[in-house]
């Protein structure tokens, strides 16, 4: 009875060892071809506008192929266009101010200022003479010929004329010297501010157009015309058609048969007679536990290495997540 139990145990051990050997060698054929199983993986791009606004145009649908630089959608820019017109007008006014300050005073302005100074100087001369005459008359008649009020009024006129002459003299000097350097620099700085404001509005208008950054296929259209959107809301999801790869996992024994750049064939269950050619483009240097979606429960804890087989698929035959069989041809047999 005990011998029978021992024999049974030995049989189970041998069966287990055979099962392990079969698992690690089942994918290896006599001609050196290694067969692995995996899924198609495709990178995606989520596109959103850089600013908030109302969507005005959507040009493509799910499944459409788009080229790099192609316009996919636009926002309403009526408000931005009005702001642009205002900014352009402000910039022109400021530019004209800079030109006037750089050119300086025109000869005609100096001639006009000299004429105004001469006129006020004549008024001052008349006021001085009137005041002198009234002072003499007031003194000689002991205030009987004119009143003190009339004398005070003449003094006031003379003071006013003096102030006017000083004002015109200062204005003439300012015109002859031209604008100060500080004033010219301030005007130029204001022009730069106005130009920056216009540039920012133009940038906002440009960012109101959503373009494709790469050649791709539209995978999802997530908003519609009339929707309010923000930078956090995705409008389109694009699937990159190049590169595509198949993600497979190889154990330690199989890893020795896989070389970077090695050839591979991708077989689809729906069309097994039409393999797609590929090559090994990535071999992980770090082991990981078998993903739960790849193998059965009894071998989930097996350590494996991720391998990517890159393919050229111009016809878009391979779809994201599609299960496929990978035959790695001309594998080195050890």
Protein backbone atom coordinates (compact mmCIF):
# COMPACT_ATOMS: atom_id res chain seq x y z
CA UNK A 1 0.00 0.00 0.00
CA UNK A 2 2.79 2.35 0.88
CA UNK A 3 4.64 1.45 -2.33
CA UNK A 4 1.52 2.28 -4.31
CA UNK A 5 1.31 5.69 -2.70
CA UNK A 6 4.98 6.35 -3.41
CA UNK A 7 4.54 5.28 -7.02
CA UNK A 8 1.50 7.54 -7.36
CA UNK A 9 3.43 10.45 -5.95
CA UNK A 10 6.32 9.81 -8.34
CA UNK A 11 3.89 9.68 -11.27
CA UNK A 12 2.36 13.01 -10.25
CA UNK A 13 5.80 14.60 -9.93
CA UNK A 14 6.83 13.33 -13.36
CA UNK A 15 3.56 14.57 -14.83
CA UNK A 16 4.08 17.99 -13.31
CA UNK A 17 7.63 18.15 -14.63
CA UNK A 18 6.38 17.12 -18.03
CA UNK A 19 3.72 19.81 -17.91
CA UNK A 20 6.31 22.44 -17.03
CA UNK A 21 8.59 21.22 -19.80
CA UNK A 22 5.70 21.30 -22.24
CA UNK A 23 4.73 24.84 -21.24
CA UNK A 24 8.23 26.19 -21.70
CA UNK A 25 8.78 24.37 -24.99
CA UNK A 26 5.36 24.15 -26.64
CA UNK A 27 5.87 27.32 -28.65
CA UNK A 28 9.10 26.10 -30.17
CA UNK A 29 8.86 24.18 -33.46
CA UNK A 30 11.40 21.98 -35.14
CA UNK A 31 12.40 24.61 -37.68
CA UNK A 32 13.30 27.13 -34.96
CA UNK A 33 10.13 29.23 -35.30
CA UNK A 34 8.87 30.56 -31.97
CA UNK A 35 5.13 31.07 -31.60
CA UNK A 36 3.81 33.57 -29.09
CA UNK A 37 0.42 35.13 -28.49
CA UNK A 38 -0.38 38.75 -27.80
CA UNK A 39 -2.44 41.80 -28.65
CA UNK A 40 -2.10 44.74 -31.00
CA UNK A 41 -1.15 48.00 -29.30
CA UNK A 42 -1.56 51.47 -30.82
CA UNK A 43 -0.62 54.85 -29.41
CA UNK A 44 -3.37 57.46 -29.16
CA UNK A 45 -3.44 61.24 -29.12
CA UNK A 46 -6.14 63.20 -27.29
CA UNK A 47 -6.69 66.60 -28.92
CA UNK A 48 -8.24 69.60 -27.21
CA UNK A 49 -8.28 73.35 -27.87
CA UNK A 50 -5.84 75.43 -25.83
CA UNK A 51 -8.57 77.86 -24.79
CA UNK A 52 -12.26 77.90 -23.99
CA UNK A 53 -14.83 78.73 -26.64
CA UNK A 54 -17.80 77.53 -28.64
CA UNK A 55 -17.11 74.97 -31.34
CA UNK A 56 -18.06 76.36 -34.76
CA UNK A 57 -16.82 73.69 -37.20
CA UNK A 58 -15.96 69.98 -36.98
CA UNK A 59 -14.46 68.65 -40.20
CA UNK A 60 -13.92 64.90 -39.64
CA UNK A 61 -15.75 61.86 -38.32
CA UNK A 62 -14.77 58.58 -36.67
CA UNK A 63 -12.74 56.42 -39.03
CA UNK A 64 -11.51 59.28 -41.22
CA UNK A 65 -7.82 59.37 -42.06
CA UNK A 66 -6.18 62.72 -41.36
CA UNK A 67 -2.82 64.17 -42.36
CA UNK A 68 -0.36 66.15 -40.27
CA UNK A 69 -1.40 69.81 -40.25
CA UNK A 70 -4.96 69.13 -41.42
CA UNK A 71 -7.62 71.36 -39.79
CA UNK A 72 -9.94 69.23 -37.69
CA UNK A 73 -12.08 71.84 -35.90
CA UNK A 74 -12.39 75.58 -35.24
CA UNK A 75 -13.85 77.79 -32.52
CA UNK A 76 -15.98 80.89 -32.96
CA UNK A 77 -13.62 83.90 -33.02
CA UNK A 78 -16.02 86.85 -33.52
CA UNK A 79 -15.10 88.39 -30.16
CA UNK A 80 -11.38 87.94 -30.79
CA UNK A 81 -11.65 89.59 -34.20
CA UNK A 82 -13.22 92.70 -32.61
CA UNK A 83 -10.43 92.80 -30.01
CA UNK A 84 -7.90 92.50 -32.83
CA UNK A 85 -9.34 95.56 -34.60
CA UNK A 86 -9.15 97.58 -31.37
CA UNK A 87 -5.56 96.48 -30.74
CA UNK A 88 -4.53 97.39 -34.30
CA UNK A 89 -6.02 100.89 -33.92
CA UNK A 90 -4.26 101.45 -30.59
CA UNK A 91 -0.98 100.31 -32.10
CA UNK A 92 -1.31 102.77 -35.00
CA UNK A 93 -1.95 105.68 -32.61
CA UNK A 94 1.08 104.80 -30.53
CA UNK A 95 3.28 104.35 -33.59
CA UNK A 96 2.27 107.81 -34.80
CA UNK A 97 3.21 109.29 -31.43
CA UNK A 98 6.66 107.72 -31.66
CA UNK A 99 7.13 109.14 -35.17
CA UNK A 100 6.19 112.63 -34.03
CA UNK A 101 8.61 112.50 -31.12
CA UNK A 102 11.44 111.16 -33.29
CA UNK A 103 10.92 113.75 -36.03
CA UNK A 104 10.84 116.58 -33.52
CA UNK A 105 9.35 120.08 -33.87
CA UNK A 106 8.54 121.37 -37.35
CA UNK A 107 9.86 124.79 -38.40
CA UNK A 108 6.31 126.04 -38.78
CA UNK A 109 5.61 125.29 -35.10
CA UNK A 110 8.69 127.26 -34.03
CA UNK A 111 7.66 130.22 -36.23
CA UNK A 112 4.19 130.15 -34.70
CA UNK A 113 5.62 130.07 -31.17
CA UNK A 114 7.91 133.04 -31.94
CA UNK A 115 4.94 135.03 -33.25
CA UNK A 116 2.93 134.29 -30.11
CA UNK A 117 5.90 135.37 -27.97
CA UNK A 118 6.20 138.63 -29.90
CA UNK A 119 2.49 139.31 -29.45
CA UNK A 120 2.61 138.73 -25.69
CA UNK A 121 5.78 140.83 -25.45
CA UNK A 122 3.94 143.72 -27.14
CA UNK A 123 1.09 143.35 -24.68
CA UNK A 124 3.61 143.45 -21.81
CA UNK A 125 5.21 146.62 -23.21
CA UNK A 126 1.80 148.32 -23.42
CA UNK A 127 0.94 147.20 -19.88
CA UNK A 128 4.24 148.62 -18.59
CA UNK A 129 3.63 151.98 -20.25
CA UNK A 130 0.06 152.19 -19.01
CA UNK A 131 1.19 151.41 -15.47
CA UNK A 132 3.98 154.03 -15.58
CA UNK A 133 1.60 156.72 -16.86
CA UNK A 134 -0.99 156.01 -14.19
CA UNK A 135 1.63 155.96 -11.44
CA UNK A 136 2.91 159.40 -12.51
CA UNK A 137 -0.60 160.75 -12.70
CA UNK A 138 -1.53 159.31 -9.34
CA UNK A 139 1.57 160.78 -7.69
CA UNK A 140 1.30 164.23 -9.26
CA UNK A 141 -2.34 164.72 -8.31
CA UNK A 142 -2.16 163.09 -4.92
CA UNK A 143 -4.66 160.52 -6.07
CA UNK A 144 -7.19 163.05 -7.29
CA UNK A 145 -7.01 162.28 -11.03
CA UNK A 146 -7.35 158.48 -10.78
CA UNK A 147 -8.46 156.15 -8.09
CA UNK A 148 -6.39 153.53 -6.30
CA UNK A 149 -8.57 150.85 -7.91
CA UNK A 150 -7.59 151.94 -11.41
CA UNK A 151 -3.93 151.84 -10.42
CA UNK A 152 -4.27 148.37 -8.98
CA UNK A 153 -6.01 147.20 -12.15
CA UNK A 154 -3.09 148.46 -14.27
CA UNK A 155 -0.63 146.62 -12.03
CA UNK A 156 -2.64 143.44 -12.45
CA UNK A 157 -2.60 143.76 -16.23
CA UNK A 158 1.14 144.28 -16.19
CA UNK A 159 1.70 141.15 -14.04
CA UNK A 160 -0.54 139.07 -16.28
CA UNK A 161 1.34 140.21 -19.37
CA UNK A 162 4.67 139.32 -17.73
CA UNK A 163 3.43 135.80 -16.91
CA UNK A 164 2.20 135.31 -20.48
CA UNK A 165 5.60 136.31 -21.86
CA UNK A 166 7.38 133.81 -19.59
CA UNK A 167 4.96 131.06 -20.66
CA UNK A 168 5.54 131.72 -24.36
CA UNK A 169 9.31 131.89 -23.85
CA UNK A 170 9.28 128.49 -22.12
CA UNK A 171 7.08 126.99 -24.82
CA UNK A 172 9.42 128.28 -27.55
CA UNK A 173 12.46 126.84 -25.77
CA UNK A 174 10.73 123.46 -25.41
CA UNK A 175 9.90 123.35 -29.11
CA UNK A 176 13.47 124.23 -30.06
CA UNK A 177 14.93 121.50 -27.84
CA UNK A 178 12.44 118.87 -28.94
CA UNK A 179 11.06 115.96 -26.90
CA UNK A 180 13.13 114.57 -24.05
CA UNK A 181 14.87 111.22 -24.49
CA UNK A 182 12.83 109.84 -21.59
CA UNK A 183 9.59 110.79 -23.35
CA UNK A 184 10.71 109.11 -26.57
CA UNK A 185 11.72 105.93 -24.72
CA UNK A 186 8.40 105.87 -22.86
CA UNK A 187 6.47 106.23 -26.13
CA UNK A 188 8.45 103.37 -27.70
CA UNK A 189 7.78 101.18 -24.66
CA UNK A 190 4.07 101.86 -24.98
CA UNK A 191 4.28 100.84 -28.64
CA UNK A 192 5.88 97.55 -27.67
CA UNK A 193 3.10 96.93 -25.16
CA UNK A 194 0.48 97.58 -27.83
CA UNK A 195 2.30 95.26 -30.27
CA UNK A 196 2.48 92.50 -27.65
CA UNK A 197 -1.26 92.83 -27.02
CA UNK A 198 -1.96 92.46 -30.73
CA UNK A 199 0.39 89.48 -30.99
CA UNK A 200 -1.39 87.74 -28.12
CA UNK A 201 -4.79 88.21 -29.75
CA UNK A 202 -3.41 86.81 -33.03
CA UNK A 203 -2.04 83.86 -31.06
CA UNK A 204 -5.46 83.23 -29.52
CA UNK A 205 -7.05 83.29 -32.98
CA UNK A 206 -4.48 80.79 -34.25
CA UNK A 207 -5.08 78.54 -31.23
CA UNK A 208 -8.79 78.55 -32.08
CA UNK A 209 -7.98 76.16 -34.92
CA UNK A 210 -7.41 72.49 -34.00
CA UNK A 211 -5.00 70.72 -36.35
CA UNK A 212 -3.75 67.16 -36.48
CA UNK A 213 -0.18 66.85 -35.17
CA UNK A 214 0.45 63.58 -37.06
CA UNK A 215 -0.91 61.27 -39.72
CA UNK A 216 -3.57 59.24 -37.94
CA UNK A 217 -7.07 57.76 -37.95
CA UNK A 218 -9.91 59.43 -36.03
CA UNK A 219 -10.85 56.99 -33.30
CA UNK A 220 -13.44 59.07 -31.43
CA UNK A 221 -15.28 62.37 -31.86
CA UNK A 222 -16.26 63.46 -28.38
CA UNK A 223 -17.90 66.88 -28.92
CA UNK A 224 -20.27 68.47 -31.41
CA UNK A 225 -20.78 71.83 -33.13
CA UNK A 226 -22.19 74.36 -30.66
CA UNK A 227 -20.64 72.74 -27.59
CA UNK A 228 -18.71 74.93 -25.17
CA UNK A 229 -15.23 73.48 -24.78
CA UNK A 230 -12.16 74.07 -22.63
CA UNK A 231 -8.53 72.97 -22.62
CA UNK A 232 -9.52 70.08 -20.35
CA UNK A 233 -12.14 68.65 -22.76
CA UNK A 234 -10.97 66.29 -25.48
CA UNK A 235 -12.53 66.95 -28.89
CA UNK A 236 -10.94 64.12 -30.90
CA UNK A 237 -8.99 60.98 -30.09
CA UNK A 238 -6.57 59.94 -32.85
CA UNK A 239 -5.05 56.48 -33.31
CA UNK A 240 -1.50 56.62 -34.68
CA UNK A 241 -1.13 54.35 -37.69
CA UNK A 242 2.65 54.31 -37.47
CA UNK A 243 4.15 52.74 -35.57
CA UNK A 244 1.96 49.81 -34.55
CA UNK A 245 3.23 46.92 -32.52
CA UNK A 246 2.13 43.63 -31.03
CA UNK A 247 2.83 43.15 -27.35
CA UNK A 248 3.76 39.58 -26.40
CA UNK A 249 5.42 37.96 -23.39
CA UNK A 250 8.24 35.41 -23.41
CA UNK A 251 9.61 33.28 -20.61
CA UNK A 252 13.28 32.82 -19.76
CA UNK A 253 13.82 29.90 -22.17
CA UNK A 254 12.05 31.64 -25.06
CA UNK A 255 13.94 34.87 -24.46
CA UNK A 256 17.16 33.31 -25.73
CA UNK A 257 15.56 32.78 -29.16
CA UNK A 258 14.46 36.42 -29.55
CA UNK A 259 16.90 38.94 -30.99
CA UNK A 260 16.51 42.67 -31.61
CA UNK A 261 15.65 43.25 -35.27
CA UNK A 262 14.58 39.64 -35.76
CA UNK A 263 11.82 38.93 -38.29
CA UNK A 264 8.32 37.99 -37.24
CA UNK A 265 4.94 37.18 -38.80
CA UNK A 266 1.68 38.35 -37.32
CA UNK A 267 -1.24 36.00 -37.92
CA UNK A 268 -4.83 37.13 -37.50
CA UNK A 269 -7.49 34.59 -36.61
CA UNK A 270 -9.83 36.02 -39.24
CA UNK A 271 -7.25 35.80 -42.05
CA UNK A 272 -4.60 33.24 -41.12
CA UNK A 273 -3.43 32.94 -44.74
CA UNK A 274 -2.46 36.65 -44.92
CA UNK A 275 0.38 37.19 -42.44
CA UNK A 276 1.70 40.68 -41.76
CA UNK A 277 5.45 41.13 -41.56
CA UNK A 278 7.14 42.71 -38.57
CA UNK A 279 10.38 42.80 -36.61
CA UNK A 280 11.43 42.76 -33.00
CA UNK A 281 11.79 46.34 -31.78
CA UNK A 282 11.83 46.06 -28.01
CA UNK A 283 12.82 43.45 -25.44
CA UNK A 284 12.28 44.34 -21.81
CA UNK A 285 15.28 43.98 -19.53
CA UNK A 286 13.07 43.56 -16.47
CA UNK A 287 11.05 40.44 -15.70
CA UNK A 288 7.45 40.79 -14.58
CA UNK A 289 4.61 38.51 -13.57
CA UNK A 290 2.45 37.34 -16.45
CA UNK A 291 -0.45 39.81 -16.92
CA UNK A 292 -3.76 38.31 -15.86
CA UNK A 293 -5.29 38.99 -19.25
CA UNK A 294 -2.65 36.95 -21.07
CA UNK A 295 -2.49 33.54 -19.40
CA UNK A 296 -4.62 31.20 -17.32
CA UNK A 297 -4.79 31.29 -13.54
CA UNK A 298 -2.33 28.46 -12.96
CA UNK A 299 0.56 30.26 -14.68
CA UNK A 300 -0.16 33.88 -13.78
CA UNK A 301 2.76 33.94 -11.38
CA UNK A 302 5.29 32.93 -14.07
CA UNK A 303 7.99 35.55 -14.68
CA UNK A 304 8.03 36.75 -18.28
CA UNK A 305 9.58 39.54 -20.38
CA UNK A 306 7.64 41.98 -22.54
CA UNK A 307 8.51 41.90 -26.24
CA UNK A 308 7.22 44.29 -28.89
CA UNK A 309 6.97 43.34 -32.55
CA UNK A 310 6.75 46.48 -34.69
CA UNK A 311 4.81 46.27 -37.96
CA UNK A 312 4.04 48.43 -40.96
CA UNK A 313 0.29 48.41 -41.52
CA UNK A 314 -0.62 50.96 -44.21
CA UNK A 315 -3.99 49.25 -44.79
CA UNK A 316 -4.92 49.57 -41.11
CA UNK A 317 -5.66 45.85 -40.91
CA UNK A 318 -4.62 45.54 -37.26
CA UNK A 319 -6.96 47.04 -34.68
CA UNK A 320 -6.22 48.11 -31.13
CA UNK A 321 -6.46 45.22 -28.68
CA UNK A 322 -6.87 42.61 -31.43
CA UNK A 323 -5.54 39.17 -30.36
CA UNK A 324 -2.95 37.78 -32.78
CA UNK A 325 -0.40 35.00 -33.12
CA UNK A 326 3.24 35.95 -33.58
CA UNK A 327 5.66 33.60 -35.30
CA UNK A 328 9.23 34.72 -34.74
CA UNK A 329 11.04 33.22 -37.71
CA UNK A 330 14.72 32.28 -37.97
CA UNK A 331 14.99 32.20 -34.20
CA UNK A 332 18.31 30.96 -32.93
CA UNK A 333 17.94 27.39 -31.76
CA UNK A 334 20.07 26.60 -28.74
